[in-house]
Amino acid sequence: MKRLYSVGPCKTELREVEEPVITNPDEVKVKLTGCGVCMSEHYDWEHAERGRKFGHEPVGVVAEVGEKVTRVKVGDRVSGLFDGSAEYAVTKESNVFKLADNITDEEGILEPLACLYSAVSKVRTGIVGDRIAVVGCGYMGCGAISLLKKRGAYVVAVDIKPESVANALKYGADEAYLVKDLPANYYYIPGDGLNFDGEPGGFATVMEWGETNESLDVAIKMTRMCGQLAIGAYHTGPNRVVNMQMLNVKAIDMLSTHPREREMTRTGCKNAVRMMSAGEWVYKHVPTKVWPISRFDEAHAELPEKFGKYLKSVVKFTDEDFEPYIID
């Protein structure tokens, strides 16, 4: 089978390696049809050493099951929490989740959806209708907006790109602004006046999905005294330098929302399939660019320039070298 390996910065190659085999009765072998291309790996791809593997957002078809496997069968389309760097993967049944027929492969890539479930579940949503700010409105930010709306929040979205502001409104934001146009009273600077019918300016809860130092700065300024700043973005690359004095003075509760609790992540996968298939959570028809696996490097190189064109990128495990295309 083919596996994707780095041969240096910004360069990968497909190598022929031995297929994995089932060795335990609770394991499942999956033939991958595709894998999401995640911005969280972009810095590592740009600076990769030889031999590094990429791909953690797999989707595929069950090729074989162990004798104790009961939840999936051969031929089922699945996604979940297993290796996405090769044509085949073997993992425990507990890491695999069957996709409903009304969910496409591209929509059903579950790992990032599980991250969204973890993040939104850890956020202080308060009373139904309370305002929550979302800073950064790419694929993950827009997904968070749609889930926050499901939880009854009034969402104010912020980004630096007009296209991302438009996407935020498309996926449910009640208000959306460019950073340069954000009303002054949507920030909370200690000593400032009041807002929202006598409440302090800014927001009691702010989620940050921008993955940049600048988005962190905006999010900190928007968080009010004793508020929660939930970091959903996966920050890679150089260290971030933030205003610790403002964090301290405002006594901000700063929380990383990443899903390191395995059972929470599995529950997120399971709930995402159920809610999307039932129409309870609508995060479908997301503009997605599809690439052949042989053009993985092109897919990664284009990630920083995708805004206004598409939200998500996926590579297909196929021998065919087709022209990339966008679906929505």
Protein backbone atom coordinates (compact mmCIF):
# COMPACT_ATOMS: atom_id res chain seq x y z
CA MET A 1 0.00 0.00 0.00
CA LYS A 2 1.02 3.64 -0.30
CA ARG A 3 1.91 5.80 2.70
CA LEU A 4 2.63 9.52 2.68
CA TYR A 5 5.99 10.57 4.14
CA SER A 6 7.83 13.85 4.36
CA VAL A 7 11.17 14.09 2.58
CA GLY A 8 11.86 17.59 3.91
CA PRO A 9 10.23 21.00 4.28
CA CYS A 10 7.14 21.39 2.06
CA LYS A 11 7.82 18.10 0.28
CA THR A 12 6.22 14.67 0.67
CA GLU A 13 6.28 11.46 -1.32
CA LEU A 14 4.22 8.28 -1.52
CA ARG A 15 6.09 5.12 -0.55
CA GLU A 16 5.12 1.49 -0.92
CA VAL A 17 4.93 -0.14 2.51
CA GLU A 18 3.41 -3.30 3.92
CA GLU A 19 -0.30 -3.26 4.71
CA PRO A 20 -1.21 -3.37 8.41
CA VAL A 21 -2.98 -6.51 9.63
CA ILE A 22 -5.55 -7.14 12.34
CA THR A 23 -3.89 -8.74 15.37
CA ASN A 24 -6.65 -8.40 17.99
CA PRO A 25 -10.32 -9.45 17.87
CA ASP A 26 -11.57 -5.92 18.62
CA GLU A 27 -9.77 -4.29 15.68
CA VAL A 28 -11.04 -2.93 12.38
CA LYS A 29 -9.13 -2.54 9.12
CA VAL A 30 -10.17 0.48 7.06
CA LYS A 31 -9.39 1.20 3.41
CA LEU A 32 -9.11 4.97 3.30
CA THR A 33 -10.89 6.92 0.60
CA GLY A 34 -9.66 10.28 1.82
CA CYS A 35 -8.22 12.44 4.57
CA GLY A 36 -8.75 16.05 5.60
CA VAL A 37 -5.89 18.50 5.17
CA CYS A 38 -5.63 20.32 8.49
CA MET A 39 -4.13 23.75 9.12
CA SER A 40 -2.80 22.43 12.44
CA GLU A 41 -0.20 20.45 10.44
CA HIS A 42 0.72 23.29 8.09
CA TYR A 43 3.66 24.67 10.08
CA ASP A 44 5.01 21.16 10.63
CA TRP A 45 4.69 20.47 6.89
CA GLU A 46 6.61 23.68 6.11
CA HIS A 47 9.43 22.67 8.48
CA ALA A 48 9.23 18.87 8.36
CA GLU A 49 12.17 16.56 8.76
CA ARG A 50 12.49 13.47 6.61
CA GLY A 51 10.17 10.63 7.62
CA ARG A 52 7.42 12.71 9.24
CA LYS A 53 3.87 11.41 8.60
CA PHE A 54 0.86 13.63 8.01
CA GLY A 55 -2.87 12.98 8.14
CA HIS A 56 -5.20 12.64 11.13
CA GLU A 57 -8.67 13.24 9.61
CA PRO A 58 -9.43 9.89 7.91
CA VAL A 59 -12.52 8.61 6.13
CA GLY A 60 -12.90 5.27 4.37
CA VAL A 61 -14.59 1.89 4.04
CA VAL A 62 -14.30 -1.09 6.39
CA ALA A 63 -12.18 -3.75 4.68
CA GLU A 64 -11.97 -6.34 7.47
CA VAL A 65 -13.14 -6.78 11.07
CA GLY A 66 -11.95 -8.77 14.06
CA GLU A 67 -14.13 -11.56 15.44
CA LYS A 68 -15.40 -9.48 18.38
CA VAL A 69 -16.35 -6.41 16.34
CA THR A 70 -20.11 -5.76 16.37
CA ARG A 71 -20.74 -2.07 15.56
CA VAL A 72 -19.44 -2.04 11.99
CA LYS A 73 -19.14 -4.54 9.15
CA VAL A 74 -17.21 -4.90 5.91
CA GLY A 75 -18.38 -2.30 3.40
CA ASP A 76 -19.52 0.31 5.94
CA ARG A 77 -18.34 3.86 5.34
CA VAL A 78 -16.58 5.09 8.47
CA SER A 79 -14.51 7.87 9.96
CA GLY A 80 -13.02 8.45 13.38
CA LEU A 81 -9.80 8.58 15.33
CA PHE A 82 -7.09 6.68 13.48
CA ASP A 83 -4.15 7.14 11.11
CA GLY A 84 -4.92 9.03 7.92
CA SER A 85 -1.52 8.88 6.23
CA ALA A 86 -1.88 5.62 4.30
CA GLU A 87 -4.27 3.61 2.14
CA TYR A 88 -5.07 1.23 5.00
CA ALA A 89 -5.29 1.64 8.76
CA VAL A 90 -5.96 -0.81 11.60
CA THR A 91 -7.50 0.53 14.80
CA LYS A 92 -9.74 -0.50 17.67
CA GLU A 93 -13.47 -0.66 17.02
CA SER A 94 -13.98 2.08 19.63
CA ASN A 95 -12.17 4.54 17.34
CA VAL A 96 -14.40 3.87 14.30
CA PHE A 97 -17.85 5.35 13.63
CA LYS A 98 -20.25 4.42 10.86
CA LEU A 99 -21.42 7.27 8.62
CA ALA A 100 -25.09 7.62 7.77
CA ASP A 101 -26.11 7.39 4.12
CA ASN A 102 -27.10 11.07 4.02
CA ILE A 103 -23.61 12.22 5.06
CA THR A 104 -20.96 12.42 2.35
CA ASP A 105 -17.35 11.39 2.88
CA GLU A 106 -16.28 15.04 2.87
CA GLU A 107 -18.95 16.07 5.39
CA GLY A 108 -18.32 13.04 7.57
CA ILE A 109 -14.66 13.57 8.43
CA LEU A 110 -15.23 13.27 12.16
CA GLU A 111 -11.97 14.22 13.87
CA PRO A 112 -12.37 18.00 13.43
CA LEU A 113 -16.08 17.75 14.27
CA ALA A 114 -15.16 15.99 17.52
CA CYS A 115 -12.79 18.89 18.27
CA LEU A 116 -15.72 21.27 17.79
CA TYR A 117 -17.92 19.25 20.13
CA SER A 118 -15.21 19.26 22.78
CA ALA A 119 -14.63 23.00 22.47
CA VAL A 120 -18.26 24.08 22.53
CA SER A 121 -19.03 21.68 25.39
CA LYS A 122 -16.36 23.34 27.55
CA VAL A 123 -17.53 26.90 26.90
CA ARG A 124 -19.65 28.82 29.38
CA THR A 125 -22.77 29.36 27.29
CA GLY A 126 -24.74 30.86 30.17
CA ILE A 127 -28.46 31.53 29.73
CA VAL A 128 -30.10 30.89 26.36
CA GLY A 129 -29.62 34.03 24.29
CA ASP A 130 -26.45 35.17 26.05
CA ARG A 131 -23.85 36.72 23.77
CA ILE A 132 -20.70 34.81 22.85
CA ALA A 133 -17.97 36.17 20.58
CA VAL A 134 -16.13 34.02 18.04
CA VAL A 135 -12.82 35.39 16.73
CA GLY A 136 -11.69 33.64 13.54
CA CYS A 137 -14.26 32.29 11.09
CA GLY A 138 -12.61 29.60 9.00
CA TYR A 139 -13.82 25.99 8.86
CA MET A 140 -13.51 25.44 12.61
CA GLY A 141 -14.78 28.87 13.60
CA CYS A 142 -17.88 28.54 11.43
CA GLY A 143 -18.49 25.05 12.79
CA ALA A 144 -18.26 26.43 16.32
CA ILE A 145 -20.74 29.17 15.41
CA SER A 146 -23.25 26.62 14.16
CA LEU A 147 -22.90 24.51 17.34
CA LEU A 148 -23.13 27.54 19.62
CA LYS A 149 -26.39 28.46 17.91
CA LYS A 150 -27.60 24.93 18.62
CA ARG A 151 -26.92 25.63 22.30
CA GLY A 152 -28.98 28.81 22.17
CA ALA A 153 -26.21 31.42 22.11
CA TYR A 154 -26.36 34.82 20.43
CA VAL A 155 -23.14 34.77 18.39
CA VAL A 156 -21.04 37.78 17.39
CA ALA A 157 -18.34 36.80 14.88
CA VAL A 158 -15.12 38.65 14.06
CA ASP A 159 -12.51 38.15 11.34
CA ILE A 160 -10.03 40.13 9.25
CA LYS A 161 -11.34 38.86 5.89
CA PRO A 162 -14.65 39.96 4.29
CA GLU A 163 -15.18 36.44 2.92
CA SER A 164 -14.90 34.95 6.39
CA VAL A 165 -17.36 37.49 7.79
CA ALA A 166 -19.84 36.42 5.09
CA ASN A 167 -19.29 32.75 5.95
CA ALA A 168 -19.91 33.46 9.64
CA LEU A 169 -23.34 34.86 8.78
CA LYS A 170 -24.02 31.92 6.46
CA TYR A 171 -23.43 29.43 9.28
CA GLY A 172 -25.54 31.23 11.84
CA ALA A 173 -23.79 34.23 13.39
CA ASP A 174 -26.24 36.89 14.56
CA GLU A 175 -23.71 39.64 13.92
CA ALA A 176 -20.39 39.56 12.06
CA TYR A 177 -17.72 42.23 11.72
CA LEU A 178 -14.33 42.88 10.28
CA VAL A 179 -11.92 43.61 13.11
CA LYS A 180 -11.49 47.17 11.86
CA ASP A 181 -15.27 47.71 12.01
CA LEU A 182 -15.91 46.14 15.41
CA PRO A 183 -17.91 48.53 17.64
CA ALA A 184 -15.74 50.05 20.35
CA ASN A 185 -18.04 48.82 23.12
CA TYR A 186 -17.51 45.21 21.98
CA TYR A 187 -14.08 45.49 23.57
CA TYR A 188 -13.59 45.64 27.32
CA ILE A 189 -10.70 47.81 28.40
CA PRO A 190 -10.47 48.19 32.20
CA GLY A 191 -11.89 51.57 33.17
CA ASP A 192 -14.24 51.81 30.17
CA GLY A 193 -17.98 52.39 30.44
CA LEU A 194 -20.93 50.04 30.27
CA ASN A 195 -22.72 48.20 27.48
CA PHE A 196 -25.61 45.80 26.90
CA ASP A 197 -28.24 47.42 29.15
CA GLY A 198 -25.91 48.22 32.00
CA GLU A 199 -23.56 45.28 31.60
CA PRO A 200 -19.83 45.91 31.17
CA GLY A 201 -18.55 46.17 27.60
CA GLY A 202 -17.06 43.17 25.89
CA PHE A 203 -18.20 39.57 26.33
CA ALA A 204 -18.39 37.14 29.22
CA THR A 205 -17.32 34.36 26.84
CA VAL A 206 -15.02 34.62 23.82
CA MET A 207 -13.83 31.76 21.60
CA GLU A 208 -10.64 32.17 19.57
CA TRP A 209 -10.22 30.19 16.33
CA GLY A 210 -7.88 32.44 14.34
CA GLU A 211 -4.61 30.61 15.08
CA THR A 212 -2.62 33.87 15.05
CA ASN A 213 -1.10 36.23 17.58
CA GLU A 214 -3.39 38.96 16.25
CA SER A 215 -6.54 36.93 16.81
CA LEU A 216 -5.46 36.24 20.39
CA ASP A 217 -4.92 39.96 20.95
CA VAL A 218 -8.42 40.77 19.67
CA ALA A 219 -9.98 37.99 21.75
CA ILE A 220 -8.27 39.18 24.94
CA LYS A 221 -9.48 42.73 24.37
CA MET A 222 -13.05 41.49 23.81
CA THR A 223 -13.17 39.43 27.01
CA ARG A 224 -14.70 41.31 29.93
CA MET A 225 -13.66 41.24 33.58
CA CYS A 226 -13.64 37.68 34.99
CA GLY A 227 -14.75 36.36 31.59
CA GLN A 228 -13.77 33.13 29.86
CA LEU A 229 -11.42 33.09 26.88
CA ALA A 230 -11.69 29.67 25.24
CA ILE A 231 -8.83 28.87 22.86
CA GLY A 232 -10.18 26.55 20.20
CA ALA A 233 -7.44 27.18 17.64
CA TYR A 234 -4.42 24.89 17.57
CA HIS A 235 -1.50 27.33 17.66
CA THR A 236 1.64 26.04 15.97
CA GLY A 237 4.92 27.64 15.01
CA PRO A 238 6.62 30.49 16.88
CA ASN A 239 5.62 31.29 20.45
CA ARG A 240 2.73 33.71 20.85
CA VAL A 241 3.32 36.94 22.75
CA VAL A 242 0.18 38.20 24.49
CA ASN A 243 -0.77 40.99 26.88
CA MET A 244 -0.38 39.23 30.21
CA GLN A 245 -1.13 42.44 32.09
CA MET A 246 -4.58 42.63 30.51
CA LEU A 247 -5.18 38.93 31.18
CA ASN A 248 -4.21 39.50 34.83
CA VAL A 249 -6.05 42.77 35.39
CA LYS A 250 -9.26 41.37 33.92
CA ALA A 251 -8.80 38.05 35.76
CA ILE A 252 -9.60 36.21 32.54
CA ASP A 253 -10.18 32.47 32.78
CA MET A 254 -8.16 31.27 29.77
CA LEU A 255 -8.97 27.71 28.72
CA SER A 256 -7.57 25.41 26.05
CA THR A 257 -10.55 23.49 24.70
CA HIS A 258 -8.63 20.78 22.86
CA PRO A 259 -10.05 17.27 23.21
CA ARG A 260 -7.44 15.34 25.14
CA GLU A 261 -10.10 13.29 26.94
CA ARG A 262 -10.43 10.26 24.68
CA GLU A 263 -13.97 9.40 25.71
CA MET A 264 -15.16 12.96 25.11
CA THR A 265 -13.65 12.82 21.62
CA ARG A 266 -15.36 9.51 20.89
CA THR A 267 -18.66 10.92 22.14
CA GLY A 268 -18.16 13.93 19.88
CA CYS A 269 -17.73 11.64 16.86
CA LYS A 270 -20.83 9.64 17.76
CA ASN A 271 -22.99 12.69 18.43
CA ALA A 272 -21.83 14.44 15.26
CA VAL A 273 -23.00 11.53 13.10
CA ARG A 274 -26.34 11.27 14.88
CA MET A 275 -27.11 14.98 14.89
CA MET A 276 -25.99 15.63 11.31
CA SER A 277 -27.88 12.65 9.90
CA ALA A 278 -31.05 13.69 11.77
CA GLY A 279 -30.74 17.33 10.73
CA GLU A 280 -30.38 18.42 14.36
CA TRP A 281 -27.03 20.05 13.58
CA VAL A 282 -26.61 21.51 10.11
CA TYR A 283 -22.96 21.86 9.14
CA LYS A 284 -23.16 20.41 5.66
CA HIS A 285 -22.56 21.64 2.12
CA VAL A 286 -19.34 23.26 3.29
CA PRO A 287 -17.26 24.37 0.27
CA THR A 288 -14.49 21.77 0.08
CA LYS A 289 -11.61 21.41 -2.35
CA VAL A 290 -10.80 17.81 -3.28
CA TRP A 291 -7.27 16.84 -4.35
CA PRO A 292 -5.58 13.58 -5.36
CA ILE A 293 -3.17 12.31 -2.72
CA SER A 294 -0.31 12.81 -5.21
CA ARG A 295 -0.88 16.57 -4.92
CA PHE A 296 -0.85 16.71 -1.13
CA ASP A 297 1.88 19.35 -1.13
CA GLU A 298 -0.14 21.62 -3.43
CA ALA A 299 -3.14 21.22 -1.15
CA HIS A 300 -1.08 22.30 1.86
CA ALA A 301 0.61 25.16 0.02
CA GLU A 302 -2.79 26.60 -0.89
CA LEU A 303 -4.26 26.47 2.64
CA PRO A 304 -3.31 30.05 3.61
CA GLU A 305 -4.90 31.35 0.38
CA LYS A 306 -8.15 29.38 0.47
CA PHE A 307 -10.30 32.06 2.10
CA GLY A 308 -13.09 33.25 -0.14
CA LYS A 309 -12.73 30.13 -2.31
CA TYR A 310 -13.45 27.21 0.03
CA LEU A 311 -13.38 26.29 3.72
CA LYS A 312 -12.06 22.73 3.83
CA SER A 313 -9.48 20.71 1.91
CA VAL A 314 -9.48 16.92 1.43
CA VAL A 315 -7.11 14.53 -0.36
CA LYS A 316 -8.41 11.36 -2.01
CA PHE A 317 -6.49 8.08 -1.86
CA THR A 318 -6.53 7.22 -5.53
CA ASP A 319 -4.02 6.41 -8.27
CA GLU A 320 -5.80 8.86 -10.52
CA ASP A 321 -4.12 12.25 -10.95
CA PHE A 322 -7.19 14.41 -11.46
CA GLU A 323 -7.58 18.17 -11.46
CA PRO A 324 -8.66 19.44 -8.02
CA TYR A 325 -12.27 20.54 -7.79
CA ILE A 326 -14.53 22.28 -5.28
CA ILE A 327 -17.79 20.82 -3.99
CA ASP A 328 -20.40 22.44 -1.76
